[in-house]
């Protein structure tokens, strides 16, 4: 399961750009700080590589593989 803390996200798009299977995409949702946050579109395709979690500079993404 992929958790995105929308209030921590700065909309840098690193997670959407580097996801090897395209699980995340840009959205039109804006957080309280005025940034567009990503959304999970193909969670069933996620194979748990945690690349999005590791690359997120704001630690806004958490992967729970259980």
PDB file of N, CA and C in Angstrom:
ATOM      1  N   UNK A   1       0.840  -1.173   0.000  1.00  0.00           N
ATOM      2  CA  UNK A   1       0.000   0.000   0.000  1.00  0.00           C
ATOM      3  C   UNK A   1       0.891   1.245   0.000  1.00  0.00           C
ATOM      4  N   UNK A   2       0.513   2.218  -0.778  1.00  0.00           N
ATOM      5  CA  UNK A   2       1.276   3.446  -0.911  1.00  0.00           C
ATOM      6  C   UNK A   2       0.550   4.563  -0.173  1.00  0.00           C
ATOM      7  N   UNK A   3       1.250   5.209   0.735  1.00  0.00           N
ATOM      8  CA  UNK A   3       0.690   6.324   1.483  1.00  0.00           C
ATOM      9  C   UNK A   3       1.431   7.600   1.091  1.00  0.00           C
ATOM     10  N   UNK A   4       0.684   8.644   0.740  1.00  0.00           N
ATOM     11  CA  UNK A   4       1.283   9.940   0.417  1.00  0.00           C
ATOM     12  C   UNK A   4       0.748  10.964   1.399  1.00  0.00           C
ATOM     13  N   UNK A   5       1.660  11.563   2.161  1.00  0.00           N
ATOM     14  CA  UNK A   5       1.271  12.636   3.070  1.00  0.00           C
ATOM     15  C   UNK A   5       1.193  13.911   2.241  1.00  0.00           C
ATOM     16  N   UNK A   6       0.001  14.282   1.861  1.00  0.00           N
ATOM     17  CA  UNK A   6      -0.198  15.402   0.948  1.00  0.00           C
ATOM     18  C   UNK A   6       0.316  16.720   1.513  1.00  0.00           C
ATOM     19  N   UNK A   7       0.322  16.860   2.811  1.00  0.00           N
ATOM     20  CA  UNK A   7       0.777  18.120   3.396  1.00  0.00           C
ATOM     21  C   UNK A   7       2.296  18.249   3.424  1.00  0.00           C
ATOM     22  N   UNK A   8       3.006  17.144   3.348  1.00  0.00           N
ATOM     23  CA  UNK A   8       4.468  17.194   3.281  1.00  0.00           C
ATOM     24  C   UNK A   8       4.969  17.381   1.856  1.00  0.00           C
ATOM     25  N   UNK A   9       4.176  16.980   0.887  1.00  0.00           N
ATOM     26  CA  UNK A   9       4.584  16.991  -0.520  1.00  0.00           C
ATOM     27  C   UNK A   9       4.818  18.419  -1.022  1.00  0.00           C
ATOM     28  N   UNK A  10       5.923  18.594  -1.777  1.00  0.00           N
ATOM     29  CA  UNK A  10       6.235  19.884  -2.398  1.00  0.00           C
ATOM     30  C   UNK A  10       6.009  19.854  -3.907  1.00  0.00           C
ATOM     31  N   UNK A  11       5.418  18.810  -4.418  1.00  0.00           N
ATOM     32  CA  UNK A  11       5.087  18.739  -5.829  1.00  0.00           C
ATOM     33  C   UNK A  11       6.293  18.697  -6.751  1.00  0.00           C
ATOM     34  N   UNK A  12       7.378  18.085  -6.319  1.00  0.00           N
ATOM     35  CA  UNK A  12       8.615  18.068  -7.110  1.00  0.00           C
ATOM     36  C   UNK A  12       8.538  17.118  -8.302  1.00  0.00           C
ATOM     37  N   UNK A  13       7.609  16.158  -8.262  1.00  0.00           N
ATOM     38  CA  UNK A  13       7.368  15.190  -9.328  1.00  0.00           C
ATOM     39  C   UNK A  13       8.464  14.134  -9.469  1.00  0.00           C
ATOM     40  N   UNK A  14       9.374  14.044  -8.547  1.00  0.00           N
ATOM     41  CA  UNK A  14      10.412  13.014  -8.616  1.00  0.00           C
ATOM     42  C   UNK A  14       9.777  11.623  -8.601  1.00  0.00           C
ATOM     43  N   UNK A  15       8.797  11.437  -7.736  1.00  0.00           N
ATOM     44  CA  UNK A  15       8.155  10.125  -7.625  1.00  0.00           C
ATOM     45  C   UNK A  15       7.450   9.728  -8.917  1.00  0.00           C
ATOM     46  N   UNK A  16       6.796  10.656  -9.566  1.00  0.00           N
ATOM     47  CA  UNK A  16       6.088  10.326 -10.803  1.00  0.00           C
ATOM     48  C   UNK A  16       7.055  10.102 -11.960  1.00  0.00           C
ATOM     49  N   UNK A  17       8.162  10.790 -11.964  1.00  0.00           N
ATOM     50  CA  UNK A  17       9.142  10.660 -13.038  1.00  0.00           C
ATOM     51  C   UNK A  17       9.954   9.369 -12.959  1.00  0.00           C
ATOM     52  N   UNK A  18      10.256   8.925 -11.741  1.00  0.00           N
ATOM     53  CA  UNK A  18      11.176   7.802 -11.578  1.00  0.00           C
ATOM     54  C   UNK A  18      10.531   6.471 -11.234  1.00  0.00           C
ATOM     55  N   UNK A  19       9.226   6.436 -11.053  1.00  0.00           N
ATOM     56  CA  UNK A  19       8.558   5.159 -10.791  1.00  0.00           C
ATOM     57  C   UNK A  19       8.718   4.272 -12.023  1.00  0.00           C
ATOM     58  N   UNK A  20       9.341   3.104 -11.887  1.00  0.00           N
ATOM     59  CA  UNK A  20       9.611   2.261 -13.063  1.00  0.00           C
ATOM     60  C   UNK A  20       8.365   1.647 -13.698  1.00  0.00           C
ATOM     61  N   UNK A  21       7.252   1.619 -12.975  1.00  0.00           N
ATOM     62  CA  UNK A  21       6.046   1.008 -13.534  1.00  0.00           C
ATOM     63  C   UNK A  21       4.872   1.977 -13.651  1.00  0.00           C
ATOM     64  N   UNK A  22       5.093   3.258 -13.386  1.00  0.00           N
ATOM     65  CA  UNK A  22       4.062   4.276 -13.574  1.00  0.00           C
ATOM     66  C   UNK A  22       2.895   4.203 -12.617  1.00  0.00           C
ATOM     67  N   UNK A  23       3.176   3.848 -11.373  1.00  0.00           N
ATOM     68  CA  UNK A  23       2.117   3.732 -10.372  1.00  0.00           C
ATOM     69  C   UNK A  23       1.564   5.101  -9.980  1.00  0.00           C
ATOM     70  N   UNK A  24       2.414   6.110  -9.994  1.00  0.00           N
ATOM     71  CA  UNK A  24       2.012   7.468  -9.597  1.00  0.00           C
ATOM     72  C   UNK A  24       1.919   8.373 -10.816  1.00  0.00           C
ATOM     73  N   UNK A  25       1.015   9.347 -10.730  1.00  0.00           N
ATOM     74  CA  UNK A  25       0.916  10.346 -11.786  1.00  0.00           C
ATOM     75  C   UNK A  25       0.598  11.700 -11.180  1.00  0.00           C
ATOM     76  N   UNK A  26       0.834  12.733 -11.968  1.00  0.00           N
ATOM     77  CA  UNK A  26       0.510  14.084 -11.527  1.00  0.00           C
ATOM     78  C   UNK A  26      -1.002  14.209 -11.392  1.00  0.00           C
ATOM     79  N   UNK A  27      -1.432  15.062 -10.485  1.00  0.00           N
ATOM     80  CA  UNK A  27      -2.869  15.252 -10.296  1.00  0.00           C
ATOM     81  C   UNK A  27      -3.196  16.741 -10.278  1.00  0.00           C
ATOM     82  N   UNK A  28      -4.452  17.026 -10.134  1.00  0.00           N
ATOM     83  CA  UNK A  28      -4.897  18.418 -10.035  1.00  0.00           C
ATOM     84  C   UNK A  28      -5.221  18.797  -8.594  1.00  0.00           C
ATOM     85  N   UNK A  29      -4.924  17.891  -7.654  1.00  0.00           N
ATOM     86  CA  UNK A  29      -5.153  18.147  -6.243  1.00  0.00           C
ATOM     87  C   UNK A  29      -4.046  19.042  -5.693  1.00  0.00           C
ATOM     88  N   UNK A  30      -4.449  20.112  -5.019  1.00  0.00           N
ATOM     89  CA  UNK A  30      -3.492  21.052  -4.443  1.00  0.00           C
ATOM     90  C   UNK A  30      -3.553  20.945  -2.923  1.00  0.00           C
ATOM     91  N   UNK A  31      -2.376  20.854  -2.281  1.00  0.00           N
ATOM     92  CA  UNK A  31      -2.359  20.792  -0.816  1.00  0.00           C
ATOM     93  C   UNK A  31      -2.436  22.205  -0.224  1.00  0.00           C
ATOM     94  N   UNK A  32      -2.430  22.309   1.096  1.00  0.00           N
ATOM     95  CA  UNK A  32      -2.560  23.614   1.769  1.00  0.00           C
ATOM     96  C   UNK A  32      -1.408  24.557   1.461  1.00  0.00           C
ATOM     97  N   UNK A  33      -0.267  24.007   1.053  1.00  0.00           N
ATOM     98  CA  UNK A  33       0.903  24.837   0.737  1.00  0.00           C
ATOM     99  C   UNK A  33       0.909  25.292  -0.722  1.00  0.00           C
ATOM    100  N   UNK A  34      -0.077  24.837  -1.496  1.00  0.00           N
ATOM    101  CA  UNK A  34      -0.209  25.262  -2.875  1.00  0.00           C
ATOM    102  C   UNK A  34       0.504  24.401  -3.898  1.00  0.00           C
ATOM    103  N   UNK A  35       0.907  23.198  -3.505  1.00  0.00           N
ATOM    104  CA  UNK A  35       1.610  22.289  -4.406  1.00  0.00           C
ATOM    105  C   UNK A  35       0.664  21.218  -4.942  1.00  0.00           C
ATOM    106  N   UNK A  36       0.881  20.839  -6.185  1.00  0.00           N
ATOM    107  CA  UNK A  36       0.133  19.718  -6.764  1.00  0.00           C
ATOM    108  C   UNK A  36       0.754  18.426  -6.263  1.00  0.00           C
ATOM    109  N   UNK A  37      -0.070  17.583  -5.679  1.00  0.00           N
ATOM    110  CA  UNK A  37       0.432  16.324  -5.125  1.00  0.00           C
ATOM    111  C   UNK A  37       0.161  15.173  -6.094  1.00  0.00           C
ATOM    112  N   UNK A  38       1.011  14.160  -6.097  1.00  0.00           N
ATOM    113  CA  UNK A  38       0.779  13.014  -6.989  1.00  0.00           C
ATOM    114  C   UNK A  38      -0.389  12.172  -6.495  1.00  0.00           C
ATOM    115  N   UNK A  39      -0.870  11.339  -7.377  1.00  0.00           N
ATOM    116  CA  UNK A  39      -1.921  10.403  -6.965  1.00  0.00           C
ATOM    117  C   UNK A  39      -1.538   9.009  -7.433  1.00  0.00           C
ATOM    118  N   UNK A  40      -2.027   8.037  -6.706  1.00  0.00           N
ATOM    119  CA  UNK A  40      -1.769   6.631  -7.019  1.00  0.00           C
ATOM    120  C   UNK A  40      -2.820   6.191  -8.030  1.00  0.00           C
ATOM    121  N   UNK A  41      -2.365   5.704  -9.182  1.00  0.00           N
ATOM    122  CA  UNK A  41      -3.314   5.299 -10.224  1.00  0.00           C
ATOM    123  C   UNK A  41      -3.281   3.805 -10.529  1.00  0.00           C
ATOM    124  N   UNK A  42      -2.157   3.155 -10.309  1.00  0.00           N
ATOM    125  CA  UNK A  42      -2.049   1.723 -10.616  1.00  0.00           C
ATOM    126  C   UNK A  42      -1.353   0.992  -9.469  1.00  0.00           C
ATOM    127  N   UNK A  43      -1.936   1.093  -8.290  1.00  0.00           N
ATOM    128  CA  UNK A  43      -1.293   0.496  -7.115  1.00  0.00           C
ATOM    129  C   UNK A  43      -1.075  -1.004  -7.287  1.00  0.00           C
ATOM    130  N   UNK A  44      -1.941  -1.684  -7.989  1.00  0.00           N
ATOM    131  CA  UNK A  44      -1.790  -3.133  -8.204  1.00  0.00           C
ATOM    132  C   UNK A  44      -0.543  -3.468  -9.028  1.00  0.00           C
ATOM    133  N   UNK A  45      -0.008  -2.494  -9.764  1.00  0.00           N
ATOM    134  CA  UNK A  45       1.222  -2.707 -10.539  1.00  0.00           C
ATOM    135  C   UNK A  45       2.496  -2.493  -9.710  1.00  0.00           C
ATOM    136  N   UNK A  46       2.355  -1.903  -8.539  1.00  0.00           N
ATOM    137  CA  UNK A  46       3.521  -1.622  -7.683  1.00  0.00           C
ATOM    138  C   UNK A  46       4.160  -2.931  -7.236  1.00  0.00           C
ATOM    139  N   UNK A  47       5.465  -3.043  -7.428  1.00  0.00           N
ATOM    140  CA  UNK A  47       6.155  -4.253  -6.985  1.00  0.00           C
ATOM    141  C   UNK A  47       7.026  -3.998  -5.756  1.00  0.00           C
ATOM    142  N   UNK A  48       6.815  -2.859  -5.104  1.00  0.00           N
ATOM    143  CA  UNK A  48       7.452  -2.598  -3.823  1.00  0.00           C
ATOM    144  C   UNK A  48       8.921  -2.271  -3.872  1.00  0.00           C
ATOM    145  N   UNK A  49       9.388  -1.659  -4.932  1.00  0.00           N
ATOM    146  CA  UNK A  49      10.818  -1.326  -5.026  1.00  0.00           C
ATOM    147  C   UNK A  49      11.203  -0.181  -4.086  1.00  0.00           C
ATOM    148  N   UNK A  50      10.216   0.584  -3.647  1.00  0.00           N
ATOM    149  CA  UNK A  50      10.392   1.697  -2.706  1.00  0.00           C
ATOM    150  C   UNK A  50      11.207   2.856  -3.281  1.00  0.00           C
ATOM    151  N   UNK A  51      11.390   2.899  -4.576  1.00  0.00           N
ATOM    152  CA  UNK A  51      12.159   3.977  -5.183  1.00  0.00           C
ATOM    153  C   UNK A  51      11.514   5.333  -4.911  1.00  0.00           C
ATOM    154  N   UNK A  52      10.209   5.417  -5.011  1.00  0.00           N
ATOM    155  CA  UNK A  52       9.519   6.682  -4.736  1.00  0.00           C
ATOM    156  C   UNK A  52       9.751   7.125  -3.290  1.00  0.00           C
ATOM    157  N   UNK A  53       9.693   6.171  -2.382  1.00  0.00           N
ATOM    158  CA  UNK A  53       9.910   6.465  -0.964  1.00  0.00           C
ATOM    159  C   UNK A  53      11.343   6.929  -0.712  1.00  0.00           C
ATOM    160  N   UNK A  54      12.299   6.287  -1.353  1.00  0.00           N
ATOM    161  CA  UNK A  54      13.709   6.628  -1.166  1.00  0.00           C
ATOM    162  C   UNK A  54      14.092   7.967  -1.793  1.00  0.00           C
ATOM    163  N   UNK A  55      13.476   8.295  -2.919  1.00  0.00           N
ATOM    164  CA  UNK A  55      13.830   9.522  -3.628  1.00  0.00           C
ATOM    165  C   UNK A  55      13.080  10.760  -3.155  1.00  0.00           C
ATOM    166  N   UNK A  56      11.987  10.590  -2.451  1.00  0.00           N
ATOM    167  CA  UNK A  56      11.186  11.742  -2.006  1.00  0.00           C
ATOM    168  C   UNK A  56      11.986  12.610  -1.031  1.00  0.00           C
ATOM    169  N   UNK A  57      12.293  13.861  -1.423  1.00  0.00           N
ATOM    170  CA  UNK A  57      13.100  14.720  -0.557  1.00  0.00           C
ATOM    171  C   UNK A  57      12.376  15.181   0.706  1.00  0.00           C
ATOM    172  N   UNK A  58      11.061  15.070   0.721  1.00  0.00           N
ATOM    173  CA  UNK A  58      10.270  15.522   1.877  1.00  0.00           C
ATOM    174  C   UNK A  58       9.776  14.368   2.740  1.00  0.00           C
ATOM    175  N   UNK A  59      10.143  13.148   2.390  1.00  0.00           N
ATOM    176  CA  UNK A  59       9.696  11.940   3.119  1.00  0.00           C
ATOM    177  C   UNK A  59       8.167  11.877   3.198  1.00  0.00           C
ATOM    178  N   UNK A  60       7.521  12.244   2.105  1.00  0.00           N
ATOM    179  CA  UNK A  60       6.070  12.287   2.063  1.00  0.00           C
ATOM    180  C   UNK A  60       5.448  10.967   1.622  1.00  0.00           C
ATOM    181  N   UNK A  61       6.266  10.013   1.173  1.00  0.00           N
ATOM    182  CA  UNK A  61       5.741   8.748   0.676  1.00  0.00           C
ATOM    183  C   UNK A  61       6.223   7.596   1.557  1.00  0.00           C
ATOM    184  N   UNK A  62       5.294   6.732   1.894  1.00  0.00           N
ATOM    185  CA  UNK A  62       5.592   5.540   2.683  1.00  0.00           C
ATOM    186  C   UNK A  62       4.989   4.335   1.971  1.00  0.00           C
ATOM    187  N   UNK A  63       5.774   3.280   1.864  1.00  0.00           N
ATOM    188  CA  UNK A  63       5.296   2.031   1.254  1.00  0.00           C
ATOM    189  C   UNK A  63       5.158   0.982   2.349  1.00  0.00           C
ATOM    190  N   UNK A  64       3.985   0.350   2.383  1.00  0.00           N
ATOM    191  CA  UNK A  64       3.737  -0.737   3.330  1.00  0.00           C
ATOM    192  C   UNK A  64       3.494  -1.993   2.501  1.00  0.00           C
ATOM    193  N   UNK A  65       4.446  -2.909   2.507  1.00  0.00           N
ATOM    194  CA  UNK A  65       4.365  -4.120   1.690  1.00  0.00           C
ATOM    195  C   UNK A  65       3.561  -5.244   2.321  1.00  0.00           C
ATOM    196  N   UNK A  66       3.015  -5.045   3.481  1.00  0.00           N
ATOM    197  CA  UNK A  66       2.275  -6.126   4.143  1.00  0.00           C
ATOM    198  C   UNK A  66       0.877  -6.266   3.614  1.00  0.00           C
TER     199      UNK A  66
END
